[in-house]
């Protein structure tokens, strides 16, 4: 059945809490989180751009990850902060559709990128002599474009099938941004097919990608165990530690949120879990990579030293 008319012209985003006295604290917290996310990811992008020592496929993908993290947080947090300042919790019908589209797009691309980064580490550790040939600059660009297109098609599908449903009376979204499952709760029509589409797409981007990552790490661990020196093993493991940490947080939250039967959906818990992969993980990514990556820390030290010298001379 086709649904092409919606009575609702505006949605009300209820946010993380219905207690007004907590909103100032939430505003300060999310403003700080957004500032840290922007600053950290911009620093990573800047270092990769200006330091020739970071001009490798690994850091190309890390830079792309930082770009996606900026986009993910920007798709959700500014609107939330504005609602806390102005107490205007409404978002237009098409504004909600745009927020859903862009957030789903960037999230989908990030899931695919984490899978690509696992394969990149497998080639770097398992076949280092051919690494530069297999994963070169041209391949990196093609991969980035390909997963961006896949993510866009996935997001377009979700957005179209979500907003072709009629929304007749209740327009209060029990979430802190326009997310698919809370919106489906408001639709005054059968959403079974929508939930099947959501489950199918997220099974592919969630479970299948996660399985591919696990397979990559099985080969990585097998290769590392063949290294004779303890120092060699430590260096090999250190190149994967940051990625493993991020994958654990990100996929854990996404799978918990989406890959579940309808009966187990609890939107209050989902809001907290969604905050993990939509806000907290993008904020922690640059911190995790900076603290665990010697090359990033060394690059940051050199750039900081260069800036201090230039400032003294000026």
Protein backbone atom coordinates (compact mmCIF):
# COMPACT_ATOMS: atom_id res chain seq x y z
CA UNK A 1 0.00 0.00 0.00
CA UNK A 2 1.28 3.48 -0.90
CA UNK A 3 1.34 6.21 1.71
CA UNK A 4 2.06 9.64 0.35
CA UNK A 5 0.16 12.03 2.63
CA UNK A 6 1.23 13.04 6.11
CA UNK A 7 -0.91 15.19 8.41
CA UNK A 8 2.07 15.94 10.64
CA UNK A 9 4.11 18.95 9.47
CA UNK A 10 6.40 19.13 12.50
CA UNK A 11 7.86 16.71 15.01
CA UNK A 12 8.66 17.38 18.65
CA UNK A 13 11.96 15.86 19.82
CA UNK A 14 11.58 15.02 23.51
CA UNK A 15 15.33 14.65 24.07
CA UNK A 16 17.21 12.60 26.62
CA UNK A 17 15.08 13.70 29.55
CA UNK A 18 11.69 15.23 30.30
CA UNK A 19 12.99 16.95 33.43
CA UNK A 20 13.65 20.65 32.65
CA UNK A 21 15.98 21.08 35.64
CA UNK A 22 18.47 18.69 34.00
CA UNK A 23 18.62 20.54 30.68
CA UNK A 24 21.31 23.08 31.71
CA UNK A 25 23.57 20.22 32.77
CA UNK A 26 22.88 18.36 29.52
CA UNK A 27 23.56 21.51 27.51
CA UNK A 28 26.95 22.00 29.16
CA UNK A 29 27.82 18.30 28.83
CA UNK A 30 26.93 18.03 25.14
CA UNK A 31 28.53 21.37 24.31
CA UNK A 32 31.75 20.09 25.88
CA UNK A 33 31.42 16.75 24.07
CA UNK A 34 30.81 18.46 20.72
CA UNK A 35 33.74 20.81 21.25
CA UNK A 36 36.06 17.91 22.10
CA UNK A 37 34.79 15.89 19.12
CA UNK A 38 35.33 18.77 16.69
CA UNK A 39 38.71 19.76 18.11
CA UNK A 40 40.05 16.20 18.29
CA UNK A 41 38.95 15.18 14.82
CA UNK A 42 40.07 18.47 13.24
CA UNK A 43 43.51 18.00 14.84
CA UNK A 44 43.73 14.46 13.40
CA UNK A 45 42.73 15.73 9.94
CA UNK A 46 45.22 18.60 10.16
CA UNK A 47 48.11 16.37 11.22
CA UNK A 48 47.43 13.91 8.40
CA UNK A 49 47.23 16.77 5.89
CA UNK A 50 50.45 18.56 6.83
CA UNK A 51 52.73 15.73 8.01
CA UNK A 52 54.20 13.76 5.10
CA UNK A 53 55.10 10.97 7.52
CA UNK A 54 51.38 10.25 7.91
CA UNK A 55 50.79 10.05 4.15
CA UNK A 56 49.94 6.35 4.21
CA UNK A 57 46.73 4.36 3.53
CA UNK A 58 46.23 3.74 7.25
CA UNK A 59 46.14 7.46 7.98
CA UNK A 60 44.08 8.19 4.87
CA UNK A 61 41.36 5.96 6.33
CA UNK A 62 41.86 7.45 9.79
CA UNK A 63 41.40 10.92 8.30
CA UNK A 64 38.23 9.76 6.56
CA UNK A 65 37.02 8.32 9.89
CA UNK A 66 37.63 11.69 11.56
CA UNK A 67 35.68 13.43 8.80
CA UNK A 68 32.74 11.05 9.30
CA UNK A 69 32.87 11.56 13.06
CA UNK A 70 32.58 15.32 12.57
CA UNK A 71 29.61 14.80 10.25
CA UNK A 72 27.88 12.35 12.63
CA UNK A 73 28.07 14.64 15.63
CA UNK A 74 27.14 17.71 13.57
CA UNK A 75 24.03 15.95 12.28
CA UNK A 76 22.64 15.57 15.81
CA UNK A 77 24.25 17.70 18.53
CA UNK A 78 23.77 21.31 17.24
CA UNK A 79 20.00 20.82 16.95
CA UNK A 80 19.95 19.38 20.46
CA UNK A 81 21.96 22.30 21.86
CA UNK A 82 19.66 24.78 20.13
CA UNK A 83 16.61 23.14 21.72
CA UNK A 84 18.17 23.53 25.17
CA UNK A 85 18.93 27.23 24.58
CA UNK A 86 15.66 28.29 22.93
CA UNK A 87 13.41 25.59 24.41
CA UNK A 88 12.19 25.05 20.83
CA UNK A 89 12.03 21.28 20.54
CA UNK A 90 10.22 21.23 17.21
CA UNK A 91 11.79 20.13 13.93
CA UNK A 92 10.07 20.42 10.57
CA UNK A 93 8.92 17.33 8.70
CA UNK A 94 11.58 17.78 6.02
CA UNK A 95 14.19 18.83 8.57
CA UNK A 96 13.60 15.55 10.39
CA UNK A 97 13.91 13.65 7.11
CA UNK A 98 17.20 15.45 6.36
CA UNK A 99 18.59 14.67 9.82
CA UNK A 100 17.65 11.01 9.45
CA UNK A 101 19.17 10.84 5.97
CA UNK A 102 22.53 12.39 6.83
CA UNK A 103 22.98 10.61 10.14
CA UNK A 104 22.12 7.22 8.61
CA UNK A 105 24.42 7.95 5.66
CA UNK A 106 27.45 8.82 7.77
CA UNK A 107 26.82 5.98 10.21
CA UNK A 108 26.55 3.42 7.42
CA UNK A 109 29.75 4.64 5.76
CA UNK A 110 31.55 4.47 9.11
CA UNK A 111 30.53 0.84 9.61
CA UNK A 112 31.89 -0.01 6.17
CA UNK A 113 35.05 2.01 6.77
CA UNK A 114 35.84 0.14 9.99
CA UNK A 115 35.65 -3.09 7.97
CA UNK A 116 38.02 -1.67 5.34
CA UNK A 117 40.42 -0.54 8.07
CA UNK A 118 40.53 -4.11 9.44
CA UNK A 119 41.43 -5.43 5.99
CA UNK A 120 44.06 -2.69 5.67
CA UNK A 121 45.70 -3.86 8.91
CA UNK A 122 45.58 -7.48 7.69
CA UNK A 123 47.47 -6.60 4.48
CA UNK A 124 49.94 -4.39 6.37
CA UNK A 125 50.81 -7.15 8.85
CA UNK A 126 50.29 -10.23 6.71
CA UNK A 127 51.84 -9.02 3.46
CA UNK A 128 54.00 -5.98 4.24
CA UNK A 129 56.19 -6.24 1.12
CA UNK A 130 53.19 -5.87 -1.21
CA UNK A 131 51.23 -3.49 1.05
CA UNK A 132 52.11 -0.32 -0.90
CA UNK A 133 51.10 -2.01 -4.14
CA UNK A 134 47.80 -3.49 -2.94
CA UNK A 135 46.63 -0.52 -0.85
CA UNK A 136 47.83 2.52 -2.76
CA UNK A 137 46.42 6.05 -2.93
CA UNK A 138 44.21 5.30 -5.94
CA UNK A 139 42.72 2.25 -4.23
CA UNK A 140 42.04 4.29 -1.08
CA UNK A 141 40.14 6.94 -3.03
CA UNK A 142 38.12 4.34 -4.96
CA UNK A 143 37.24 2.54 -1.72
CA UNK A 144 36.22 5.81 -0.02
CA UNK A 145 33.95 6.75 -2.93
CA UNK A 146 32.46 3.24 -3.17
CA UNK A 147 31.51 2.94 0.50
CA UNK A 148 30.16 6.51 0.45
CA UNK A 149 27.85 5.61 -2.44
CA UNK A 150 26.73 2.40 -0.71
CA UNK A 151 26.04 4.35 2.48
CA UNK A 152 24.09 6.97 0.53
CA UNK A 153 21.92 4.35 -1.20
CA UNK A 154 21.24 2.65 2.14
CA UNK A 155 20.29 5.97 3.75
CA UNK A 156 18.07 6.94 0.81
CA UNK A 157 16.18 3.66 1.15
CA UNK A 158 15.63 4.12 4.90
CA UNK A 159 14.58 7.75 4.55
CA UNK A 160 12.17 7.10 1.69
CA UNK A 161 10.40 4.15 3.30
CA UNK A 162 10.22 5.88 6.69
CA UNK A 163 8.73 9.12 5.39
CA UNK A 164 6.29 7.52 2.98
CA UNK A 165 4.35 6.37 6.05
CA UNK A 166 1.51 8.55 7.37
CA UNK A 167 2.03 10.35 10.70
CA UNK A 168 -1.42 11.34 11.80
CA UNK A 169 -1.62 12.59 15.37
CA UNK A 170 1.23 11.88 17.78
CA UNK A 171 4.30 13.83 16.66
CA UNK A 172 6.47 13.49 19.77
CA UNK A 173 9.70 11.62 19.03
CA UNK A 174 10.92 9.88 22.17
CA UNK A 175 14.57 10.36 21.28
CA UNK A 176 17.19 13.12 21.05
CA UNK A 177 17.22 13.18 17.23
CA UNK A 178 15.21 11.85 14.29
CA UNK A 179 16.03 8.14 14.39
CA UNK A 180 14.30 5.39 12.42
CA UNK A 181 12.83 3.21 15.16
CA UNK A 182 11.32 6.05 17.26
CA UNK A 183 9.74 7.43 14.07
CA UNK A 184 8.24 4.06 13.18
CA UNK A 185 6.62 4.03 16.62
CA UNK A 186 4.66 7.16 15.62
CA UNK A 187 3.43 5.95 12.22
CA UNK A 188 -0.31 5.31 12.00
CA UNK A 189 0.13 2.37 9.64
CA UNK A 190 1.62 -1.09 9.66
CA UNK A 191 5.44 -0.80 9.83
CA UNK A 192 6.27 -4.50 9.51
CA UNK A 193 7.87 -4.12 6.07
CA UNK A 194 9.83 -1.10 7.26
CA UNK A 195 11.21 -3.08 10.16
CA UNK A 196 12.19 -5.90 7.80
CA UNK A 197 14.07 -3.40 5.61
CA UNK A 198 15.80 -1.90 8.65
CA UNK A 199 16.74 -5.31 9.98
CA UNK A 200 18.03 -6.49 6.59
CA UNK A 201 20.14 -3.39 5.92
CA UNK A 202 21.55 -3.30 9.42
CA UNK A 203 22.23 -7.03 9.39
CA UNK A 204 24.38 -6.51 6.30
CA UNK A 205 26.13 -3.38 7.61
CA UNK A 206 26.24 -4.63 11.18
CA UNK A 207 26.57 -8.39 11.51
CA UNK A 208 28.15 -9.13 8.12
CA UNK A 209 30.72 -6.35 8.40
CA UNK A 210 31.48 -7.40 11.96
CA UNK A 211 32.04 -10.99 10.81
CA UNK A 212 34.44 -9.74 8.10
CA UNK A 213 36.33 -7.75 10.73
CA UNK A 214 36.58 -10.82 12.95
CA UNK A 215 37.86 -12.92 10.02
CA UNK A 216 40.50 -10.26 9.29
CA UNK A 217 41.65 -10.37 12.89
CA UNK A 218 41.82 -14.15 12.92
CA UNK A 219 44.36 -13.91 10.08
CA UNK A 220 46.09 -10.96 11.77
CA UNK A 221 46.51 -12.83 15.07
CA UNK A 222 47.68 -15.94 13.23
CA UNK A 223 50.33 -13.86 11.44
CA UNK A 224 51.43 -12.06 14.59
CA UNK A 225 51.87 -15.35 16.48
CA UNK A 226 54.38 -16.43 13.82
CA UNK A 227 56.58 -13.41 14.57
CA UNK A 228 59.55 -14.59 16.61
CA UNK A 229 60.55 -11.46 18.50
CA UNK A 230 58.44 -10.16 21.38
CA UNK A 231 59.08 -6.59 20.24
CA UNK A 232 57.82 -7.41 16.76
CA UNK A 233 54.65 -8.90 18.20
CA UNK A 234 54.11 -5.87 20.43
CA UNK A 235 54.46 -3.44 17.52
CA UNK A 236 52.09 -5.47 15.37
CA UNK A 237 49.47 -5.63 18.11
CA UNK A 238 49.83 -1.90 18.83
CA UNK A 239 48.88 -1.01 15.24
CA UNK A 240 45.55 -2.81 15.76
CA UNK A 241 44.71 -1.90 19.37
CA UNK A 242 42.99 1.42 18.59
CA UNK A 243 40.89 -0.10 15.82
CA UNK A 244 39.81 -3.02 18.00
CA UNK A 245 38.75 -0.63 20.79
CA UNK A 246 36.65 1.51 18.46
CA UNK A 247 35.08 -1.51 16.72
CA UNK A 248 34.09 -3.00 20.09
CA UNK A 249 32.34 0.19 21.21
CA UNK A 250 30.74 1.07 17.90
CA UNK A 251 29.49 -2.32 16.76
CA UNK A 252 28.38 -3.27 20.25
CA UNK A 253 26.11 -0.23 20.45
CA UNK A 254 24.79 -0.49 16.88
CA UNK A 255 24.03 -4.21 17.10
CA UNK A 256 22.30 -3.76 20.47
CA UNK A 257 20.16 -0.95 19.03
CA UNK A 258 19.10 -2.51 15.73
CA UNK A 259 19.63 -6.26 15.58
CA UNK A 260 16.81 -7.15 17.97
CA UNK A 261 13.22 -8.34 17.70
CA UNK A 262 10.41 -5.79 17.93
CA UNK A 263 9.29 -7.05 21.34
CA UNK A 264 12.61 -6.14 22.95
CA UNK A 265 12.57 -2.48 21.86
CA UNK A 266 12.74 -0.05 24.77
CA UNK A 267 13.26 3.50 23.55
CA UNK A 268 14.48 4.83 26.90
CA UNK A 269 17.40 2.39 26.88
CA UNK A 270 17.93 2.94 23.16
CA UNK A 271 18.46 6.66 23.72
CA UNK A 272 21.40 5.93 26.00
CA UNK A 273 22.88 3.34 23.65
CA UNK A 274 22.36 5.63 20.65
CA UNK A 275 24.24 8.37 22.48
CA UNK A 276 27.19 5.98 22.70
CA UNK A 277 27.62 5.41 18.94
CA UNK A 278 26.19 8.76 17.78
CA UNK A 279 28.02 11.06 20.19
CA UNK A 280 30.48 9.40 22.57
CA UNK A 281 32.33 7.11 20.13
CA UNK A 282 33.03 9.89 17.56
CA UNK A 283 34.38 11.97 20.43
CA UNK A 284 36.63 9.20 21.74
CA UNK A 285 38.01 8.11 18.35
CA UNK A 286 40.73 10.80 18.06
CA UNK A 287 41.62 10.41 21.75
CA UNK A 288 42.00 6.63 21.41
CA UNK A 289 44.12 6.92 18.27
CA UNK A 290 46.23 9.72 19.74
CA UNK A 291 46.97 7.96 23.02
CA UNK A 292 47.77 4.59 21.43
CA UNK A 293 49.51 5.73 18.27
CA UNK A 294 53.18 6.69 18.54
CA UNK A 295 53.28 8.26 15.06
CA UNK A 296 50.29 10.51 15.77
CA UNK A 297 51.75 11.63 19.10
CA UNK A 298 55.12 12.30 17.47
CA UNK A 299 53.48 14.27 14.68
CA UNK A 300 51.49 16.31 17.19
CA UNK A 301 54.66 17.01 19.16
CA UNK A 302 56.54 18.18 16.04
CA UNK A 303 53.71 20.40 14.86
CA UNK A 304 53.28 21.92 18.33
CA UNK A 305 57.00 22.57 18.59
CA UNK A 306 57.03 24.16 15.14
CA UNK A 307 54.13 26.44 16.08
CA UNK A 308 55.81 27.50 19.32
CA UNK A 309 59.05 28.34 17.51
CA UNK A 310 57.15 30.32 14.87
CA UNK A 311 55.25 32.20 17.59
CA UNK A 312 58.47 33.12 19.42
CA UNK A 313 60.07 34.34 16.21
CA UNK A 314 57.00 36.43 15.38
